[in-house]
PDB file of N, CA and C in Angstrom:
ATOM      1  N   MET A   1     104.629 107.942 120.415  1.00  0.00           N
ATOM      2  CA  MET A   1     103.767 108.644 119.492  1.00  0.00           C
ATOM      3  C   MET A   1     102.367 108.058 119.469  1.00  0.00           C
ATOM      4  N   GLU A   2     102.220 106.821 119.888  1.00  0.00           N
ATOM      5  CA  GLU A   2     100.894 106.204 119.914  1.00  0.00           C
ATOM      6  C   GLU A   2     100.040 106.789 121.036  1.00  0.00           C
ATOM      7  N   LYS A   3     100.656 107.086 122.160  1.00  0.00           N
ATOM      8  CA  LYS A   3      99.909 107.576 123.317  1.00  0.00           C
ATOM      9  C   LYS A   3      99.292 108.948 123.052  1.00  0.00           C
ATOM     10  N   HIS A   4      99.992 109.784 122.316  1.00  0.00           N
ATOM     11  CA  HIS A   4      99.535 111.151 122.070  1.00  0.00           C
ATOM     12  C   HIS A   4      99.190 111.380 120.598  1.00  0.00           C
ATOM     13  N   SER A   5      98.637 110.380 119.964  1.00  0.00           N
ATOM     14  CA  SER A   5      98.376 110.475 118.527  1.00  0.00           C
ATOM     15  C   SER A   5      97.360 111.562 118.191  1.00  0.00           C
ATOM     16  N   ARG A   6      96.312 111.708 118.997  1.00  0.00           N
ATOM     17  CA  ARG A   6      95.301 112.740 118.720  1.00  0.00           C
ATOM     18  C   ARG A   6      95.917 114.135 118.760  1.00  0.00           C
ATOM     19  N   TYR A   7      96.753 114.372 119.758  1.00  0.00           N
ATOM     20  CA  TYR A   7      97.405 115.672 119.907  1.00  0.00           C
ATOM     21  C   TYR A   7      98.325 115.952 118.719  1.00  0.00           C
ATOM     22  N   ILE A   8      99.118 114.974 118.347  1.00  0.00           N
ATOM     23  CA  ILE A   8     100.068 115.144 117.246  1.00  0.00           C
ATOM     24  C   ILE A   8      99.333 115.394 115.934  1.00  0.00           C
ATOM     25  N   ILE A   9      98.305 114.616 115.673  1.00  0.00           N
ATOM     26  CA  ILE A   9      97.548 114.768 114.427  1.00  0.00           C
ATOM     27  C   ILE A   9      96.900 116.142 114.356  1.00  0.00           C
ATOM     28  N   LYS A  10      96.295 116.581 115.446  1.00  0.00           N
ATOM     29  CA  LYS A  10      95.625 117.885 115.442  1.00  0.00           C
ATOM     30  C   LYS A  10      96.619 119.020 115.234  1.00  0.00           C
ATOM     31  N   ARG A  11      97.744 118.967 115.911  1.00  0.00           N
ATOM     32  CA  ARG A  11      98.748 120.029 115.768  1.00  0.00           C
ATOM     33  C   ARG A  11      99.316 120.083 114.352  1.00  0.00           C
ATOM     34  N   VAL A  12      99.557 118.946 113.771  1.00  0.00           N
ATOM     35  CA  VAL A  12     100.086 118.936 112.405  1.00  0.00           C
ATOM     36  C   VAL A  12      99.037 119.453 111.427  1.00  0.00           C
ATOM     37  N   LEU A  13      97.778 119.089 111.622  1.00  0.00           N
ATOM     38  CA  LEU A  13      96.725 119.589 110.737  1.00  0.00           C
ATOM     39  C   LEU A  13      96.592 121.102 110.833  1.00  0.00           C
ATOM     40  N   GLU A  14      96.726 121.655 112.028  1.00  0.00           N
ATOM     41  CA  GLU A  14      96.516 123.086 112.206  1.00  0.00           C
ATOM     42  C   GLU A  14      97.768 123.924 111.955  1.00  0.00           C
ATOM     43  N   TYR A  15      98.931 123.437 112.363  1.00  0.00           N
ATOM     44  CA  TYR A  15     100.130 124.271 112.314  1.00  0.00           C
ATOM     45  C   TYR A  15     101.264 123.707 111.467  1.00  0.00           C
ATOM     46  N   GLY A  16     101.156 122.477 111.025  1.00  0.00           N
ATOM     47  CA  GLY A  16     102.264 121.824 110.336  1.00  0.00           C
ATOM     48  C   GLY A  16     102.438 122.261 108.896  1.00  0.00           C
ATOM     49  N   MET A  17     103.623 121.994 108.405  1.00  0.00           N
ATOM     50  CA  MET A  17     103.953 122.239 107.008  1.00  0.00           C
ATOM     51  C   MET A  17     103.660 120.960 106.215  1.00  0.00           C
ATOM     52  N   LEU A  18     103.814 121.035 104.911  1.00  0.00           N
ATOM     53  CA  LEU A  18     103.523 119.885 104.058  1.00  0.00           C
ATOM     54  C   LEU A  18     104.431 118.700 104.384  1.00  0.00           C
ATOM     55  N   GLN A  19     105.678 118.955 104.713  1.00  0.00           N
ATOM     56  CA  GLN A  19     106.593 117.873 105.087  1.00  0.00           C
ATOM     57  C   GLN A  19     106.123 117.181 106.362  1.00  0.00           C
ATOM     58  N   ASP A  20     105.633 117.964 107.333  1.00  0.00           N
ATOM     59  CA  ASP A  20     105.111 117.382 108.571  1.00  0.00           C
ATOM     60  C   ASP A  20     103.903 116.502 108.272  1.00  0.00           C
ATOM     61  N   TRP A  21     103.038 116.995 107.388  1.00  0.00           N
ATOM     62  CA  TRP A  21     101.845 116.242 107.020  1.00  0.00           C
ATOM     63  C   TRP A  21     102.223 114.909 106.384  1.00  0.00           C
ATOM     64  N   ASN A  22     103.216 114.925 105.507  1.00  0.00           N
ATOM     65  CA  ASN A  22     103.643 113.688 104.848  1.00  0.00           C
ATOM     66  C   ASN A  22     104.205 112.680 105.845  1.00  0.00           C
ATOM     67  N   ILE A  23     104.928 113.150 106.844  1.00  0.00           N
ATOM     68  CA  ILE A  23     105.473 112.255 107.868  1.00  0.00           C
ATOM     69  C   ILE A  23     104.349 111.632 108.690  1.00  0.00           C
ATOM     70  N   VAL A  24     103.393 112.449 109.108  1.00  0.00           N
ATOM     71  CA  VAL A  24     102.268 111.946 109.909  1.00  0.00           C
ATOM     72  C   VAL A  24     101.419 110.987 109.088  1.00  0.00           C
ATOM     73  N   LYS A  25     101.184 111.311 107.830  1.00  0.00           N
ATOM     74  CA  LYS A  25     100.395 110.440 106.958  1.00  0.00           C
ATOM     75  C   LYS A  25     101.093 109.099 106.749  1.00  0.00           C
ATOM     76  N   GLN A  26     102.400 109.132 106.623  1.00  0.00           N
ATOM     77  CA  GLN A  26     103.153 107.894 106.449  1.00  0.00           C
ATOM     78  C   GLN A  26     103.136 107.061 107.732  1.00  0.00           C
ATOM     79  N   TYR A  27     103.209 107.707 108.885  1.00  0.00           N
ATOM     80  CA  TYR A  27     103.281 106.988 110.156  1.00  0.00           C
ATOM     81  C   TYR A  27     101.923 106.404 110.563  1.00  0.00           C
ATOM     82  N   TYR A  28     100.864 107.249 110.537  1.00  0.00           N
ATOM     83  CA  TYR A  28      99.550 106.820 111.021  1.00  0.00           C
ATOM     84  C   TYR A  28      98.652 106.261 109.922  1.00  0.00           C
ATOM     85  N   GLY A  29      98.781 106.754 108.714  1.00  0.00           N
ATOM     86  CA  GLY A  29      97.887 106.349 107.635  1.00  0.00           C
ATOM     87  C   GLY A  29      96.669 107.253 107.582  1.00  0.00           C
ATOM     88  N   ILE A  30      96.127 107.426 106.399  1.00  0.00           N
ATOM     89  CA  ILE A  30      95.026 108.370 106.205  1.00  0.00           C
ATOM     90  C   ILE A  30      93.755 107.931 106.924  1.00  0.00           C
ATOM     91  N   THR A  31      93.495 106.636 106.997  1.00  0.00           N
ATOM     92  CA  THR A  31      92.261 106.188 107.658  1.00  0.00           C
ATOM     93  C   THR A  31      92.297 106.485 109.149  1.00  0.00           C
ATOM     94  N   ARG A  32      93.433 106.283 109.793  1.00  0.00           N
ATOM     95  CA  ARG A  32      93.531 106.578 111.228  1.00  0.00           C
ATOM     96  C   ARG A  32      93.451 108.076 111.485  1.00  0.00           C
ATOM     97  N   ILE A  33      94.061 108.871 110.632  1.00  0.00           N
ATOM     98  CA  ILE A  33      94.010 110.323 110.785  1.00  0.00           C
ATOM     99  C   ILE A  33      92.569 110.805 110.687  1.00  0.00           C
ATOM    100  N   VAL A  34      91.828 110.290 109.715  1.00  0.00           N
ATOM    101  CA  VAL A  34      90.427 110.691 109.542  1.00  0.00           C
ATOM    102  C   VAL A  34      89.597 110.261 110.746  1.00  0.00           C
ATOM    103  N   GLU A  35      89.788 109.053 111.226  1.00  0.00           N
ATOM    104  CA  GLU A  35      89.022 108.571 112.384  1.00  0.00           C
ATOM    105  C   GLU A  35      89.311 109.404 113.627  1.00  0.00           C
ATOM    106  N   GLU A  36      90.564 109.775 113.836  1.00  0.00           N
ATOM    107  CA  GLU A  36      90.911 110.628 114.978  1.00  0.00           C
ATOM    108  C   GLU A  36      90.309 112.021 114.801  1.00  0.00           C
ATOM    109  N   ALA A  37      90.386 112.565 113.593  1.00  0.00           N
ATOM    110  CA  ALA A  37      89.901 113.920 113.336  1.00  0.00           C
ATOM    111  C   ALA A  37      88.383 114.013 113.443  1.00  0.00           C
ATOM    112  N   LYS A  38      87.682 112.935 113.215  1.00  0.00           N
ATOM    113  CA  LYS A  38      86.220 112.957 113.343  1.00  0.00           C
ATOM    114  C   LYS A  38      85.787 113.254 114.769  1.00  0.00           C
ATOM    115  N   GLY A  39      86.636 113.005 115.738  1.00  0.00           N
ATOM    116  CA  GLY A  39      86.298 113.244 117.132  1.00  0.00           C
ATOM    117  C   GLY A  39      86.717 114.600 117.669  1.00  0.00           C
ATOM    118  N   PHE A  40      87.420 115.413 116.873  1.00  0.00           N
ATOM    119  CA  PHE A  40      87.858 116.726 117.341  1.00  0.00           C
ATOM    120  C   PHE A  40      86.669 117.664 117.469  1.00  0.00           C
ATOM    121  N   ARG A  41      86.597 118.397 118.582  1.00  0.00           N
ATOM    122  CA  ARG A  41      85.535 119.382 118.743  1.00  0.00           C
ATOM    123  C   ARG A  41      85.818 120.639 117.937  1.00  0.00           C
ATOM    124  N   GLU A  42      87.097 120.963 117.798  1.00  0.00           N
ATOM    125  CA  GLU A  42      87.479 122.155 117.050  1.00  0.00           C
ATOM    126  C   GLU A  42      88.595 121.805 116.078  1.00  0.00           C
ATOM    127  N   LEU A  43      88.494 122.361 114.893  1.00  0.00           N
ATOM    128  CA  LEU A  43      89.529 122.195 113.876  1.00  0.00           C
ATOM    129  C   LEU A  43      89.376 123.358 112.907  1.00  0.00           C
ATOM    130  N   GLU A  44      90.484 123.918 112.493  1.00  0.00           N
ATOM    131  CA  GLU A  44      90.430 125.045 111.567  1.00  0.00           C
ATOM    132  C   GLU A  44      89.682 124.647 110.299  1.00  0.00           C
ATOM    133  N   PRO A  45      88.871 125.552 109.764  1.00  0.00           N
ATOM    134  CA  PRO A  45      88.116 125.231 108.544  1.00  0.00           C
ATOM    135  C   PRO A  45      89.010 124.811 107.379  1.00  0.00           C
ATOM    136  N   ARG A  46      90.175 125.412 107.267  1.00  0.00           N
ATOM    137  CA  ARG A  46      91.107 125.057 106.194  1.00  0.00           C
ATOM    138  C   ARG A  46      91.577 123.612 106.339  1.00  0.00           C
ATOM    139  N   ALA A  47      91.910 123.213 107.568  1.00  0.00           N
ATOM    140  CA  ALA A  47      92.368 121.842 107.820  1.00  0.00           C
ATOM    141  C   ALA A  47      91.234 120.849 107.587  1.00  0.00           C
ATOM    142  N   LEU A  48      90.023 121.223 107.996  1.00  0.00           N
ATOM    143  CA  LEU A  48      88.866 120.359 107.787  1.00  0.00           C
ATOM    144  C   LEU A  48      88.592 120.164 106.298  1.00  0.00           C
ATOM    145  N   ALA A  49      88.643 121.238 105.536  1.00  0.00           N
ATOM    146  CA  ALA A  49      88.396 121.147 104.096  1.00  0.00           C
ATOM    147  C   ALA A  49      89.459 120.294 103.406  1.00  0.00           C
ATOM    148  N   TYR A  50      90.713 120.458 103.802  1.00  0.00           N
ATOM    149  CA  TYR A  50      91.803 119.672 103.209  1.00  0.00           C
ATOM    150  C   TYR A  50      91.628 118.192 103.518  1.00  0.00           C
ATOM    151  N   LEU A  51      91.377 117.885 104.774  1.00  0.00           N
ATOM    152  CA  LEU A  51      91.226 116.491 105.179  1.00  0.00           C
ATOM    153  C   LEU A  51      90.005 115.852 104.526  1.00  0.00           C
ATOM    154  N   SER A  52      88.929 116.611 104.423  1.00  0.00           N
ATOM    155  CA  SER A  52      87.723 116.110 103.784  1.00  0.00           C
ATOM    156  C   SER A  52      87.958 115.841 102.297  1.00  0.00           C
ATOM    157  N   ALA A  53      88.706 116.711 101.654  1.00  0.00           N
ATOM    158  CA  ALA A  53      88.954 116.561 100.218  1.00  0.00           C
ATOM    159  C   ALA A  53      89.864 115.376  99.906  1.00  0.00           C
ATOM    160  N   ILE A  54      90.940 115.217 100.659  1.00  0.00           N
ATOM    161  CA  ILE A  54      91.879 114.143 100.315  1.00  0.00           C
ATOM    162  C   ILE A  54      91.374 112.771 100.730  1.00  0.00           C
ATOM    163  N   SER A  55      90.488 112.737 101.730  1.00  0.00           N
ATOM    164  CA  SER A  55      89.968 111.438 102.170  1.00  0.00           C
ATOM    165  C   SER A  55      88.601 111.125 101.568  1.00  0.00           C
ATOM    166  N   GLN A  56      88.022 112.102 100.855  1.00  0.00           N
ATOM    167  CA  GLN A  56      86.690 111.966 100.262  1.00  0.00           C
ATOM    168  C   GLN A  56      85.649 111.613 101.321  1.00  0.00           C
ATOM    169  N   THR A  57      85.774 112.257 102.472  1.00  0.00           N
ATOM    170  CA  THR A  57      84.835 112.087 103.573  1.00  0.00           C
ATOM    171  C   THR A  57      83.992 113.353 103.668  1.00  0.00           C
ATOM    172  N   PRO A  58      82.674 113.247 103.714  1.00  0.00           N
ATOM    173  CA  PRO A  58      81.842 114.448 103.839  1.00  0.00           C
ATOM    174  C   PRO A  58      82.136 115.208 105.132  1.00  0.00           C
ATOM    175  N   LYS A  59      82.098 116.527 105.055  1.00  0.00           N
ATOM    176  CA  LYS A  59      82.377 117.354 106.230  1.00  0.00           C
ATOM    177  C   LYS A  59      81.394 117.089 107.358  1.00  0.00           C
ATOM    178  N   GLU A  60      80.190 116.689 107.006  1.00  0.00           N
ATOM    179  CA  GLU A  60      79.153 116.468 108.010  1.00  0.00           C
ATOM    180  C   GLU A  60      79.492 115.325 108.962  1.00  0.00           C
ATOM    181  N   GLN A  61      80.411 114.460 108.596  1.00  0.00           N
ATOM    182  CA  GLN A  61      80.786 113.342 109.463  1.00  0.00           C
ATOM    183  C   GLN A  61      81.776 113.754 110.548  1.00  0.00           C
ATOM    184  N   PHE A  62      82.322 114.952 110.449  1.00  0.00           N
ATOM    185  CA  PHE A  62      83.283 115.432 111.430  1.00  0.00           C
ATOM    186  C   PHE A  62      82.555 116.174 112.549  1.00  0.00           C
ATOM    187  N   LYS A  63      82.905 115.857 113.777  1.00  0.00           N
ATOM    188  CA  LYS A  63      82.272 116.472 114.944  1.00  0.00           C
ATOM    189  C   LYS A  63      82.513 117.980 114.974  1.00  0.00           C
ATOM    190  N   CYS A  64      83.696 118.420 114.561  1.00  0.00           N
ATOM    191  CA  CYS A  64      84.008 119.844 114.605  1.00  0.00           C
ATOM    192  C   CYS A  64      83.116 120.639 113.653  1.00  0.00           C
ATOM    193  N   TYR A  65      82.688 120.045 112.558  1.00  0.00           N
ATOM    194  CA  TYR A  65      81.820 120.737 111.605  1.00  0.00           C
ATOM    195  C   TYR A  65      80.433 120.945 112.200  1.00  0.00           C
ATOM    196  N   THR A  66      79.876 119.916 112.800  1.00  0.00           N
ATOM    197  CA  THR A  66      78.544 120.047 113.387  1.00  0.00           C
ATOM    198  C   THR A  66      78.583 120.884 114.650  1.00  0.00           C
ATOM    199  N   TYR A  67      79.659 120.810 115.411  1.00  0.00           N
ATOM    200  CA  TYR A  67      79.776 121.596 116.644  1.00  0.00           C
ATOM    201  C   TYR A  67      79.863 123.081 116.326  1.00  0.00           C
ATOM    202  N   GLN A  68      80.602 123.459 115.289  1.00  0.00           N
ATOM    203  CA  GLN A  68      80.725 124.859 114.903  1.00  0.00           C
ATOM    204  C   GLN A  68      79.394 125.406 114.415  1.00  0.00           C
ATOM    205  N   ARG A  69      78.621 124.595 113.744  1.00  0.00           N
ATOM    206  CA  ARG A  69      77.332 125.064 113.237  1.00  0.00           C
ATOM    207  C   ARG A  69      76.319 125.226 114.359  1.00  0.00           C
ATOM    208  N   LEU A  70      76.424 124.411 115.414  1.00  0.00           N
ATOM    209  CA  LEU A  70      75.495 124.522 116.526  1.00  0.00           C
ATOM    210  C   LEU A  70      75.812 125.702 117.428  1.00  0.00           C
ATOM    211  N   ASN A  71      77.058 126.130 117.472  1.00  0.00           N
ATOM    212  CA  ASN A  71      77.497 127.214 118.347  1.00  0.00           C
ATOM    213  C   ASN A  71      78.104 128.347 117.526  1.00  0.00           C
ATOM    214  N   PRO A  72      77.260 129.187 116.910  1.00  0.00           N
ATOM    215  CA  PRO A  72      77.809 130.277 116.104  1.00  0.00           C
ATOM    216  C   PRO A  72      78.499 131.322 116.983  1.00  0.00           C
ATOM    217  N   GLN A  73      79.546 131.929 116.441  1.00  0.00           N
ATOM    218  CA  GLN A  73      80.285 132.958 117.158  1.00  0.00           C
ATOM    219  C   GLN A  73      79.547 134.290 117.044  1.00  0.00           C
ATOM    220  N   HIS A  74      79.712 135.126 118.059  1.00  0.00           N
ATOM    221  CA  HIS A  74      79.135 136.469 118.009  1.00  0.00           C
ATOM    222  C   HIS A  74      79.933 137.319 117.036  1.00  0.00           C
ATOM    223  N   TRP A  75      79.253 138.215 116.371  1.00  0.00           N
ATOM    224  CA  TRP A  75      79.933 139.041 115.388  1.00  0.00           C
ATOM    225  C   TRP A  75      80.559 140.261 116.028  1.00  0.00           C
ATOM    226  N   ASN A  76      80.316 140.490 117.292  1.00  0.00           N
ATOM    227  CA  ASN A  76      80.845 141.666 117.969  1.00  0.00           C
ATOM    228  C   ASN A  76      82.212 141.422 118.523  1.00  0.00           C
TER     229      ASN A  76
END
């Protein structure tokens, strides 16, 4: 689980249930999860808001937040 920690954390944040989140939080710890998530290029806005709220980390510190703002999607 250490080798693929970024993959596991991202998948649980995007697709996991609350029980999955509790297991990952217990295994890795909130500080490691936040540090890994800061390097993600993409993350669902809901997952970003949740992680930002529980860790009290500003959204601007996450790479996915600044990357999404620099590359707006077409409305078509």
